[in-house]
Amino acid sequence: MFMVARHHINKILPTLVGDERKTAALKMNSKATLTTLCVAVPFIICA
C-alpha cells in the first residue's frame, strides 16, 4: 500500500492536471491507505 500510494502521489498525480475526478480518487485512496497504516501499526506493536 505504501509503495503504490507513493507511486500515485509522486508519479501519477502530477500527470493528471485538469482531471479533477481522477485526482480526487487518488487522493482519497492515499488518505484511506494512511488511515489503515495508522490502525495497523499500533496493533502490530501491541500484539
All heavy atoms as atom14 arrays in JSON, in Angstrom:
{
  "sequence": "MFMVARHHINKILPTLVGDERKTAALKMNSKATLTTLCVAVPFIICA",
  "atom14_mask": [
    [1, 1, 1, 1, 1, 1, 1, 1, 0, 0, 0, 0, 0, 0],
    [1, 1, 1, 1, 1, 1, 1, 1, 1, 1, 1, 0, 0, 0],
    [1, 1, 1, 1, 1, 1, 1, 1, 0, 0, 0, 0, 0, 0],
    [1, 1, 1, 1, 1, 1, 1, 0, 0, 0, 0, 0, 0, 0],
    [1, 1, 1, 1, 1, 0, 0, 0, 0, 0, 0, 0, 0, 0],
    [1, 1, 1, 1, 1, 1, 1, 1, 1, 1, 1, 0, 0, 0],
    [1, 1, 1, 1, 1, 1, 1, 1, 1, 1, 0, 0, 0, 0],
    [1, 1, 1, 1, 1, 1, 1, 1, 1, 1, 0, 0, 0, 0],
    [1, 1, 1, 1, 1, 1, 1, 1, 0, 0, 0, 0, 0, 0],
    [1, 1, 1, 1, 1, 1, 1, 1, 0, 0, 0, 0, 0, 0],
    [1, 1, 1, 1, 1, 1, 1, 1, 1, 0, 0, 0, 0, 0],
    [1, 1, 1, 1, 1, 1, 1, 1, 0, 0, 0, 0, 0, 0],
    [1, 1, 1, 1, 1, 1, 1, 1, 0, 0, 0, 0, 0, 0],
    [1, 1, 1, 1, 1, 1, 1, 0, 0, 0, 0, 0, 0, 0],
    [1, 1, 1, 1, 1, 1, 1, 0, 0, 0, 0, 0, 0, 0],
    [1, 1, 1, 1, 1, 1, 1, 1, 0, 0, 0, 0, 0, 0],
    [1, 1, 1, 1, 1, 1, 1, 0, 0, 0, 0, 0, 0, 0],
    [1, 1, 1, 1, 0, 0, 0, 0, 0, 0, 0, 0, 0, 0],
    [1, 1, 1, 1, 1, 1, 1, 1, 0, 0, 0, 0, 0, 0],
    [1, 1, 1, 1, 1, 1, 1, 1, 1, 0, 0, 0, 0, 0],
    [1, 1, 1, 1, 1, 1, 1, 1, 1, 1, 1, 0, 0, 0],
    [1, 1, 1, 1, 1, 1, 1, 1, 1, 0, 0, 0, 0, 0],
    [1, 1, 1, 1, 1, 1, 1, 0, 0, 0, 0, 0, 0, 0],
    [1, 1, 1, 1, 1, 0, 0, 0, 0, 0, 0, 0, 0, 0],
    [1, 1, 1, 1, 1, 0, 0, 0, 0, 0, 0, 0, 0, 0],
    [1, 1, 1, 1, 1, 1, 1, 1, 0, 0, 0, 0, 0, 0],
    [1, 1, 1, 1, 1, 1, 1, 1, 1, 0, 0, 0, 0, 0],
    [1, 1, 1, 1, 1, 1, 1, 1, 0, 0, 0, 0, 0, 0],
    [1, 1, 1, 1, 1, 1, 1, 1, 0, 0, 0, 0, 0, 0],
    [1, 1, 1, 1, 1, 1, 0, 0, 0, 0, 0, 0, 0, 0],
    [1, 1, 1, 1, 1, 1, 1, 1, 1, 0, 0, 0, 0, 0],
    [1, 1, 1, 1, 1, 0, 0, 0, 0, 0, 0, 0, 0, 0],
    [1, 1, 1, 1, 1, 1, 1, 0, 0, 0, 0, 0, 0, 0],
    [1, 1, 1, 1, 1, 1, 1, 1, 0, 0, 0, 0, 0, 0],
    [1, 1, 1, 1, 1, 1, 1, 0, 0, 0, 0, 0, 0, 0],
    [1, 1, 1, 1, 1, 1, 1, 0, 0, 0, 0, 0, 0, 0],
    [1, 1, 1, 1, 1, 1, 1, 1, 0, 0, 0, 0, 0, 0],
    [1, 1, 1, 1, 1, 1, 0, 0, 0, 0, 0, 0, 0, 0],
    [1, 1, 1, 1, 1, 1, 1, 0, 0, 0, 0, 0, 0, 0],
    [1, 1, 1, 1, 1, 0, 0, 0, 0, 0, 0, 0, 0, 0],
    [1, 1, 1, 1, 1, 1, 1, 0, 0, 0, 0, 0, 0, 0],
    [1, 1, 1, 1, 1, 1, 1, 0, 0, 0, 0, 0, 0, 0],
    [1, 1, 1, 1, 1, 1, 1, 1, 1, 1, 1, 0, 0, 0],
    [1, 1, 1, 1, 1, 1, 1, 1, 0, 0, 0, 0, 0, 0],
    [1, 1, 1, 1, 1, 1, 1, 1, 0, 0, 0, 0, 0, 0],
    [1, 1, 1, 1, 1, 1, 0, 0, 0, 0, 0, 0, 0, 0],
    [1, 1, 1, 1, 1, 0, 0, 0, 0, 0, 0, 0, 0, 0]
  ],
  "atom14_positions": [
    [[0.83, -1.2, 0.0], [0.0, 0.0, 0.0], [0.86, 1.25, 0.0], [0.61, 2.2, -0.75], [-0.92, 0.0, 1.23], [-2.07, -0.97, 1.15], [-2.75, -1.38, 2.78], [-2.86, 0.23, 3.52], [0.0, 0.0, 0.0], [0.0, 0.0, 0.0], [0.0, 0.0, 0.0], [0.0, 0.0, 0.0], [0.0, 0.0, 0.0], [0.0, 0.0, 0.0]],
    [[1.9, 1.25, 0.84], [2.76, 2.42, 0.94], [3.48, 2.68, -0.39], [3.54, 3.83, -0.85], [3.79, 2.21, 2.06], [4.79, 3.32, 2.19], [4.45, 4.53, 2.77], [6.08, 3.16, 1.69], [5.37, 5.55, 2.88], [7.01, 4.18, 1.8], [6.66, 5.38, 2.39], [0.0, 0.0, 0.0], [0.0, 0.0, 0.0], [0.0, 0.0, 0.0]],
    [[4.01, 1.62, -1.01], [4.75, 1.79, -2.26], [3.84, 2.26, -3.39], [4.2, 3.16, -4.16], [5.43, 0.48, -2.64], [6.47, -0.01, -1.63], [7.81, 1.19, -1.36], [8.57, 1.21, -2.98], [0.0, 0.0, 0.0], [0.0, 0.0, 0.0], [0.0, 0.0, 0.0], [0.0, 0.0, 0.0], [0.0, 0.0, 0.0], [0.0, 0.0, 0.0]],
    [[2.63, 1.65, -3.48], [1.71, 2.04, -4.55], [1.21, 3.47, -4.32], [1.13, 4.27, -5.27], [0.52, 1.06, -4.62], [-0.51, 1.53, -5.64], [1.01, -0.33, -4.98], [0.0, 0.0, 0.0], [0.0, 0.0, 0.0], [0.0, 0.0, 0.0], [0.0, 0.0, 0.0], [0.0, 0.0, 0.0], [0.0, 0.0, 0.0], [0.0, 0.0, 0.0]],
    [[0.86, 3.81, -3.08], [0.4, 5.17, -2.78], [1.49, 6.19, -3.07], [1.23, 7.28, -3.61], [-0.04, 5.27, -1.32], [0.0, 0.0, 0.0], [0.0, 0.0, 0.0], [0.0, 0.0, 0.0], [0.0, 0.0, 0.0], [0.0, 0.0, 0.0], [0.0, 0.0, 0.0], [0.0, 0.0, 0.0], [0.0, 0.0, 0.0], [0.0, 0.0, 0.0]],
    [[2.73, 5.86, -2.72], [3.85, 6.75, -3.01], [4.02, 6.95, -4.51], [4.27, 8.06, -4.98], [5.12, 6.17, -2.4], [6.33, 7.06, -2.54], [7.54, 6.41, -1.9], [8.72, 7.25, -2.05], [9.93, 6.88, -1.65], [10.11, 5.72, -1.05], [10.96, 7.69, -1.83], [0.0, 0.0, 0.0], [0.0, 0.0, 0.0], [0.0, 0.0, 0.0]],
    [[3.86, 5.86, -5.28], [3.94, 5.95, -6.74], [2.83, 6.84, -7.29], [3.05, 7.66, -8.18], [3.86, 4.55, -7.35], [3.84, 4.55, -8.84], [4.95, 4.84, -9.6], [2.83, 4.29, -9.73], [4.65, 4.76, -10.89], [3.37, 4.43, -10.99], [0.0, 0.0, 0.0], [0.0, 0.0, 0.0], [0.0, 0.0, 0.0], [0.0, 0.0, 0.0]],
    [[1.61, 6.68, -6.74], [0.49, 7.51, -7.18], [0.76, 8.98, -6.93], [0.51, 9.83, -7.79], [-0.79, 7.09, -6.45], [-1.36, 5.81, -6.98], [-2.52, 5.26, -6.48], [-0.94, 4.97, -7.95], [-2.8, 4.15, -7.14], [-1.86, 3.94, -8.02], [0.0, 0.0, 0.0], [0.0, 0.0, 0.0], [0.0, 0.0, 0.0], [0.0, 0.0, 0.0]],
    [[1.26, 9.28, -5.73], [1.46, 10.68, -5.36], [2.61, 11.32, -6.15], [2.49, 12.46, -6.63], [1.74, 10.78, -3.84], [0.48, 10.38, -3.06], [2.15, 12.2, -3.45], [0.71, 10.25, -1.57], [0.0, 0.0, 0.0], [0.0, 0.0, 0.0], [0.0, 0.0, 0.0], [0.0, 0.0, 0.0], [0.0, 0.0, 0.0], [0.0, 0.0, 0.0]],
    [[3.71, 10.58, -6.3], [4.91, 11.15, -6.93], [4.9, 11.09, -8.45], [5.46, 11.97, -9.11], [6.16, 10.45, -6.41], [6.38, 10.68, -4.93], [5.92, 11.67, -4.37], [7.06, 9.76, -4.27], [0.0, 0.0, 0.0], [0.0, 0.0, 0.0], [0.0, 0.0, 0.0], [0.0, 0.0, 0.0], [0.0, 0.0, 0.0], [0.0, 0.0, 0.0]],
    [[4.26, 10.04, -9.03], [4.37, 9.85, -10.47], [3.07, 10.09, -11.23], [3.09, 10.62, -12.34], [4.84, 8.4, -10.75], [6.2, 8.07, -10.15], [7.31, 8.86, -10.85], [8.68, 8.53, -10.26], [9.08, 7.15, -10.52], [0.0, 0.0, 0.0], [0.0, 0.0, 0.0], [0.0, 0.0, 0.0], [0.0, 0.0, 0.0], [0.0, 0.0, 0.0]],
    [[1.94, 9.68, -10.64], [0.67, 9.74, -11.39], [-0.05, 11.06, -11.19], [-0.52, 11.68, -12.15], [-0.23, 8.56, -11.0], [0.46, 7.23, -11.36], [-1.57, 8.65, -11.71], [-0.34, 6.0, -11.0], [0.0, 0.0, 0.0], [0.0, 0.0, 0.0], [0.0, 0.0, 0.0], [0.0, 0.0, 0.0], [0.0, 0.0, 0.0], [0.0, 0.0, 0.0]],
    [[-0.15, 11.53, -9.93], [-0.88, 12.77, -9.67], [-0.37, 13.96, -10.48], [-1.17, 14.74, -11.01], [-0.84, 13.1, -8.18], [-1.92, 12.43, -7.3], [-1.71, 12.79, -5.84], [-3.31, 12.84, -7.75], [0.0, 0.0, 0.0], [0.0, 0.0, 0.0], [0.0, 0.0, 0.0], [0.0, 0.0, 0.0], [0.0, 0.0, 0.0], [0.0, 0.0, 0.0]],
    [[0.96, 14.15, -10.61], [1.42, 15.3, -11.41], [0.99, 15.26, -12.87], [0.96, 16.3, -13.53], [2.96, 15.2, -11.29], [3.2, 14.47, -10.02], [2.08, 13.47, -9.94], [0.0, 0.0, 0.0], [0.0, 0.0, 0.0], [0.0, 0.0, 0.0], [0.0, 0.0, 0.0], [0.0, 0.0, 0.0], [0.0, 0.0, 0.0], [0.0, 0.0, 0.0]],
    [[0.66, 14.07, -13.39], [0.26, 13.97, -14.8], [-1.23, 14.17, -15.01], [-1.7, 14.2, -16.14], [0.65, 12.58, -15.36], [-0.12, 11.56, -14.68], [2.14, 12.31, -15.16], [0.0, 0.0, 0.0], [0.0, 0.0, 0.0], [0.0, 0.0, 0.0], [0.0, 0.0, 0.0], [0.0, 0.0, 0.0], [0.0, 0.0, 0.0], [0.0, 0.0, 0.0]],
    [[-1.99, 14.3, -13.91], [-3.45, 14.41, -14.01], [-3.93, 15.84, -13.85], [-4.98, 16.09, -13.28], [-4.11, 13.52, -12.94], [-3.89, 12.01, -13.09], [-4.55, 11.27, -11.94], [-4.43, 11.5, -14.43], [0.0, 0.0, 0.0], [0.0, 0.0, 0.0], [0.0, 0.0, 0.0], [0.0, 0.0, 0.0], [0.0, 0.0, 0.0], [0.0, 0.0, 0.0]],
    [[-3.17, 16.79, -14.33], [-3.56, 18.19, -14.25], [-4.81, 18.42, -15.08], [-4.85, 18.12, -16.28], [-2.41, 19.1, -14.75], [-2.84, 20.56, -14.69], [-1.16, 18.87, -13.91], [0.0, 0.0, 0.0], [0.0, 0.0, 0.0], [0.0, 0.0, 0.0], [0.0, 0.0, 0.0], [0.0, 0.0, 0.0], [0.0, 0.0, 0.0], [0.0, 0.0, 0.0]],
    [[-5.86, 18.92, -14.44], [-7.11, 19.17, -15.13], [-8.14, 18.07, -14.97], [-9.33, 18.28, -15.19], [0.0, 0.0, 0.0], [0.0, 0.0, 0.0], [0.0, 0.0, 0.0], [0.0, 0.0, 0.0], [0.0, 0.0, 0.0], [0.0, 0.0, 0.0], [0.0, 0.0, 0.0], [0.0, 0.0, 0.0], [0.0, 0.0, 0.0], [0.0, 0.0, 0.0]],
    [[-7.71, 16.85, -14.61], [-8.64, 15.74, -14.41], [-8.95, 15.65, -12.92], [-8.34, 14.88, -12.17], [-8.02, 14.44, -14.91], [-9.06, 13.32, -15.07], [-10.1, 13.41, -14.39], [-8.82, 12.38, -15.85], [0.0, 0.0, 0.0], [0.0, 0.0, 0.0], [0.0, 0.0, 0.0], [0.0, 0.0, 0.0], [0.0, 0.0, 0.0], [0.0, 0.0, 0.0]],
    [[-9.92, 16.46, -12.49], [-10.2, 16.58, -11.05], [-10.79, 15.29, -10.48], [-10.54, 14.96, -9.32], [-11.17, 17.74, -10.81], [-10.58, 19.1, -11.19], [-11.55, 20.23, -10.9], [-12.68, 19.93, -10.45], [-11.18, 21.39, -11.13], [0.0, 0.0, 0.0], [0.0, 0.0, 0.0], [0.0, 0.0, 0.0], [0.0, 0.0, 0.0], [0.0, 0.0, 0.0]],
    [[-11.56, 14.54, -11.26], [-12.2, 13.33, -10.75], [-11.16, 12.26, -10.38], [-11.18, 11.7, -9.29], [-13.17, 12.77, -11.78], [-13.98, 11.58, -11.27], [-15.01, 11.15, -12.32], [-14.36, 10.69, -13.53], [-13.92, 9.44, -13.72], [-14.06, 8.55, -12.75], [-13.35, 9.08, -14.84], [0.0, 0.0, 0.0], [0.0, 0.0, 0.0], [0.0, 0.0, 0.0]],
    [[-10.21, 12.01, -11.29], [-9.18, 11.01, -11.01], [-8.23, 11.49, -9.91], [-7.78, 10.71, -9.07], [-8.39, 10.7, -12.28], [-9.18, 9.92, -13.31], [-8.31, 9.56, -14.51], [-9.09, 8.73, -15.51], [-8.25, 8.38, -16.69], [0.0, 0.0, 0.0], [0.0, 0.0, 0.0], [0.0, 0.0, 0.0], [0.0, 0.0, 0.0], [0.0, 0.0, 0.0]],
    [[-7.96, 12.79, -9.9], [-7.1, 13.34, -8.85], [-7.73, 13.16, -7.48], [-7.06, 12.76, -6.52], [-6.82, 14.84, -9.11], [-6.21, 14.99, -10.39], [-5.91, 15.41, -8.04], [0.0, 0.0, 0.0], [0.0, 0.0, 0.0], [0.0, 0.0, 0.0], [0.0, 0.0, 0.0], [0.0, 0.0, 0.0], [0.0, 0.0, 0.0], [0.0, 0.0, 0.0]],
    [[-9.03, 13.46, -7.38], [-9.74, 13.29, -6.1], [-9.77, 11.83, -5.68], [-9.61, 11.51, -4.49], [-11.16, 13.84, -6.22], [0.0, 0.0, 0.0], [0.0, 0.0, 0.0], [0.0, 0.0, 0.0], [0.0, 0.0, 0.0], [0.0, 0.0, 0.0], [0.0, 0.0, 0.0], [0.0, 0.0, 0.0], [0.0, 0.0, 0.0], [0.0, 0.0, 0.0]],
    [[-9.95, 10.92, -6.63], [-9.99, 9.48, -6.31], [-8.64, 9.0, -5.78], [-8.57, 8.26, -4.8], [-10.39, 8.69, -7.54], [0.0, 0.0, 0.0], [0.0, 0.0, 0.0], [0.0, 0.0, 0.0], [0.0, 0.0, 0.0], [0.0, 0.0, 0.0], [0.0, 0.0, 0.0], [0.0, 0.0, 0.0], [0.0, 0.0, 0.0], [0.0, 0.0, 0.0]],
    [[-7.56, 9.44, -6.42], [-6.23, 9.03, -5.96], [-5.93, 9.6, -4.58], [-5.35, 8.93, -3.72], [-5.17, 9.49, -6.97], [-5.04, 8.66, -8.24], [-4.0, 9.27, -9.17], [-4.66, 7.24, -7.92], [0.0, 0.0, 0.0], [0.0, 0.0, 0.0], [0.0, 0.0, 0.0], [0.0, 0.0, 0.0], [0.0, 0.0, 0.0], [0.0, 0.0, 0.0]],
    [[-6.3, 10.85, -4.36], [-6.07, 11.45, -3.04], [-6.88, 10.74, -1.96], [-6.4, 10.54, -0.84], [-6.43, 12.94, -3.08], [-5.43, 13.79, -3.85], [-5.8, 15.26, -3.81], [-4.76, 16.11, -4.5], [-5.12, 17.56, -4.48], [0.0, 0.0, 0.0], [0.0, 0.0, 0.0], [0.0, 0.0, 0.0], [0.0, 0.0, 0.0], [0.0, 0.0, 0.0]],
    [[-8.12, 10.35, -2.3], [-8.95, 9.64, -1.34], [-8.35, 8.28, -1.01], [-8.31, 7.87, 0.16], [-10.36, 9.46, -1.9], [-11.32, 8.77, -0.94], [-12.95, 8.51, -1.66], [-12.54, 7.28, -2.91], [0.0, 0.0, 0.0], [0.0, 0.0, 0.0], [0.0, 0.0, 0.0], [0.0, 0.0, 0.0], [0.0, 0.0, 0.0], [0.0, 0.0, 0.0]],
    [[-7.85, 7.56, -2.02], [-7.21, 6.27, -1.78], [-5.95, 6.41, -0.93], [-5.68, 5.59, -0.05], [-6.85, 5.59, -3.11], [-8.04, 4.86, -3.72], [-8.95, 4.45, -3.02], [-8.03, 4.72, -5.04], [0.0, 0.0, 0.0], [0.0, 0.0, 0.0], [0.0, 0.0, 0.0], [0.0, 0.0, 0.0], [0.0, 0.0, 0.0], [0.0, 0.0, 0.0]],
    [[-5.19, 7.47, -1.19], [-3.97, 7.7, -0.41], [-4.31, 8.01, 1.05], [-3.64, 7.53, 1.96], [-3.18, 8.86, -1.02], [-2.8, 8.58, -2.35], [0.0, 0.0, 0.0], [0.0, 0.0, 0.0], [0.0, 0.0, 0.0], [0.0, 0.0, 0.0], [0.0, 0.0, 0.0], [0.0, 0.0, 0.0], [0.0, 0.0, 0.0], [0.0, 0.0, 0.0]],
    [[-5.37, 8.78, 1.26], [-5.79, 9.1, 2.62], [-6.28, 7.85, 3.35], [-5.94, 7.62, 4.52], [-6.91, 10.14, 2.57], [-7.41, 10.58, 3.94], [-8.51, 11.61, 3.82], [-9.03, 12.01, 5.2], [-10.14, 12.99, 5.1], [0.0, 0.0, 0.0], [0.0, 0.0, 0.0], [0.0, 0.0, 0.0], [0.0, 0.0, 0.0], [0.0, 0.0, 0.0]],
    [[-7.05, 7.0, 2.64], [-7.54, 5.76, 3.25], [-6.38, 4.82, 3.57], [-6.38, 4.13, 4.58], [-8.53, 5.08, 2.31], [0.0, 0.0, 0.0], [0.0, 0.0, 0.0], [0.0, 0.0, 0.0], [0.0, 0.0, 0.0], [0.0, 0.0, 0.0], [0.0, 0.0, 0.0], [0.0, 0.0, 0.0], [0.0, 0.0, 0.0], [0.0, 0.0, 0.0]],
    [[-5.36, 4.82, 2.7], [-4.18, 3.99, 2.94], [-3.45, 4.43, 4.2], [-3.04, 3.61, 5.02], [-3.23, 4.07, 1.73], [-3.91, 3.57, 0.58], [-1.98, 3.25, 1.97], [0.0, 0.0, 0.0], [0.0, 0.0, 0.0], [0.0, 0.0, 0.0], [0.0, 0.0, 0.0], [0.0, 0.0, 0.0], [0.0, 0.0, 0.0], [0.0, 0.0, 0.0]],
    [[-3.29, 5.74, 4.36], [-2.61, 6.25, 5.54], [-3.4, 5.93, 6.81], [-2.83, 5.59, 7.85], [-2.41, 7.77, 5.41], [-1.63, 8.45, 6.54], [-0.24, 7.82, 6.69], [-1.5, 9.94, 6.28], [0.0, 0.0, 0.0], [0.0, 0.0, 0.0], [0.0, 0.0, 0.0], [0.0, 0.0, 0.0], [0.0, 0.0, 0.0], [0.0, 0.0, 0.0]],
    [[-4.73, 6.01, 6.72], [-5.57, 5.65, 7.88], [-5.4, 4.19, 8.25], [-5.28, 3.84, 9.43], [-7.05, 5.94, 7.56], [-7.2, 7.33, 7.23], [-7.93, 5.6, 8.75], [0.0, 0.0, 0.0], [0.0, 0.0, 0.0], [0.0, 0.0, 0.0], [0.0, 0.0, 0.0], [0.0, 0.0, 0.0], [0.0, 0.0, 0.0], [0.0, 0.0, 0.0]],
    [[-5.37, 3.31, 7.24], [-5.16, 1.89, 7.5], [-3.81, 1.64, 8.15], [-3.68, 0.83, 9.07], [-5.27, 1.08, 6.19], [-6.5, 1.4, 5.55], [-5.22, -0.41, 6.46], [0.0, 0.0, 0.0], [0.0, 0.0, 0.0], [0.0, 0.0, 0.0], [0.0, 0.0, 0.0], [0.0, 0.0, 0.0], [0.0, 0.0, 0.0], [0.0, 0.0, 0.0]],
    [[-2.78, 2.36, 7.67], [-1.45, 2.24, 8.28], [-1.48, 2.66, 9.74], [-0.9, 2.0, 10.6], [-0.45, 3.1, 7.51], [0.11, 2.52, 6.22], [0.89, 3.6, 5.45], [1.03, 1.34, 6.51], [0.0, 0.0, 0.0], [0.0, 0.0, 0.0], [0.0, 0.0, 0.0], [0.0, 0.0, 0.0], [0.0, 0.0, 0.0], [0.0, 0.0, 0.0]],
    [[-2.18, 3.76, 10.03], [-2.25, 4.26, 11.4], [-2.97, 3.29, 12.33], [-2.71, 3.26, 13.54], [-2.95, 5.62, 11.42], [-2.03, 6.94, 10.63], [0.0, 0.0, 0.0], [0.0, 0.0, 0.0], [0.0, 0.0, 0.0], [0.0, 0.0, 0.0], [0.0, 0.0, 0.0], [0.0, 0.0, 0.0], [0.0, 0.0, 0.0], [0.0, 0.0, 0.0]],
    [[-3.89, 2.49, 11.78], [-4.59, 1.49, 12.59], [-3.76, 0.22, 12.75], [-3.7, -0.37, 13.82], [-5.97, 1.17, 11.96], [-6.63, 0.01, 12.69], [-6.87, 2.39, 12.01], [0.0, 0.0, 0.0], [0.0, 0.0, 0.0], [0.0, 0.0, 0.0], [0.0, 0.0, 0.0], [0.0, 0.0, 0.0], [0.0, 0.0, 0.0], [0.0, 0.0, 0.0]],
    [[-3.1, -0.19, 11.66], [-2.39, -1.48, 11.66], [-1.1, -1.44, 12.47], [-0.8, -2.4, 13.2], [-2.09, -1.9, 10.23], [0.0, 0.0, 0.0], [0.0, 0.0, 0.0], [0.0, 0.0, 0.0], [0.0, 0.0, 0.0], [0.0, 0.0, 0.0], [0.0, 0.0, 0.0], [0.0, 0.0, 0.0], [0.0, 0.0, 0.0], [0.0, 0.0, 0.0]],
    [[-0.34, -0.36, 12.36], [0.98, -0.32, 13.02], [0.86, -0.43, 14.54], [1.56, -1.23, 15.17], [1.75, 0.95, 12.6], [3.02, 1.11, 13.43], [2.12, 0.87, 11.12], [0.0, 0.0, 0.0], [0.0, 0.0, 0.0], [0.0, 0.0, 0.0], [0.0, 0.0, 0.0], [0.0, 0.0, 0.0], [0.0, 0.0, 0.0], [0.0, 0.0, 0.0]],
    [[-0.03, 0.34, 15.21], [-0.17, 0.17, 16.67], [-0.61, -1.24, 17.05], [-0.16, -1.77, 18.08], [-1.23, 1.21, 17.06], [-1.17, 2.23, 15.99], [-0.85, 1.49, 14.75], [0.0, 0.0, 0.0], [0.0, 0.0, 0.0], [0.0, 0.0, 0.0], [0.0, 0.0, 0.0], [0.0, 0.0, 0.0], [0.0, 0.0, 0.0], [0.0, 0.0, 0.0]],
    [[-1.49, -1.84, 16.24], [-1.93, -3.2, 16.57], [-0.75, -4.18, 16.51], [-0.6, -5.03, 17.39], [-3.02, -3.67, 15.6], [-3.46, -5.08, 15.86], [-4.37, -5.36, 16.86], [-2.96, -6.13, 15.1], [-4.78, -6.67, 17.11], [-3.35, -7.43, 15.34], [-4.26, -7.71, 16.35], [0.0, 0.0, 0.0], [0.0, 0.0, 0.0], [0.0, 0.0, 0.0]],
    [[0.07, -4.07, 15.49], [1.22, -4.97, 15.36], [2.18, -4.79, 16.54], [2.68, -5.76, 17.11], [1.94, -4.71, 14.02], [1.05, -5.15, 12.85], [3.28, -5.45, 13.97], [1.57, -4.76, 11.5], [0.0, 0.0, 0.0], [0.0, 0.0, 0.0], [0.0, 0.0, 0.0], [0.0, 0.0, 0.0], [0.0, 0.0, 0.0], [0.0, 0.0, 0.0]],
    [[2.4, -3.54, 16.93], [3.3, -3.27, 18.06], [2.73, -3.83, 19.36], [3.44, -4.44, 20.17], [3.55, -1.75, 18.18], [4.34, -1.26, 16.97], [4.3, -1.43, 19.47], [4.49, 0.25, 16.91], [0.0, 0.0, 0.0], [0.0, 0.0, 0.0], [0.0, 0.0, 0.0], [0.0, 0.0, 0.0], [0.0, 0.0, 0.0], [0.0, 0.0, 0.0]],
    [[1.41, -3.65, 19.55], [0.79, -4.09, 20.81], [0.58, -5.6, 20.87], [0.55, -6.18, 21.96], [-0.56, -3.38, 21.0], [-0.43, -1.6, 21.27], [0.0, 0.0, 0.0], [0.0, 0.0, 0.0], [0.0, 0.0, 0.0], [0.0, 0.0, 0.0], [0.0, 0.0, 0.0], [0.0, 0.0, 0.0], [0.0, 0.0, 0.0], [0.0, 0.0, 0.0]],
    [[0.43, -6.26, 19.71], [0.16, -7.7, 19.71], [1.43, -8.53, 19.71], [1.4, -9.7, 20.11], [-0.7, -8.07, 18.51], [0.0, 0.0, 0.0], [0.0, 0.0, 0.0], [0.0, 0.0, 0.0], [0.0, 0.0, 0.0], [0.0, 0.0, 0.0], [0.0, 0.0, 0.0], [0.0, 0.0, 0.0], [0.0, 0.0, 0.0], [0.0, 0.0, 0.0]]
  ]
}
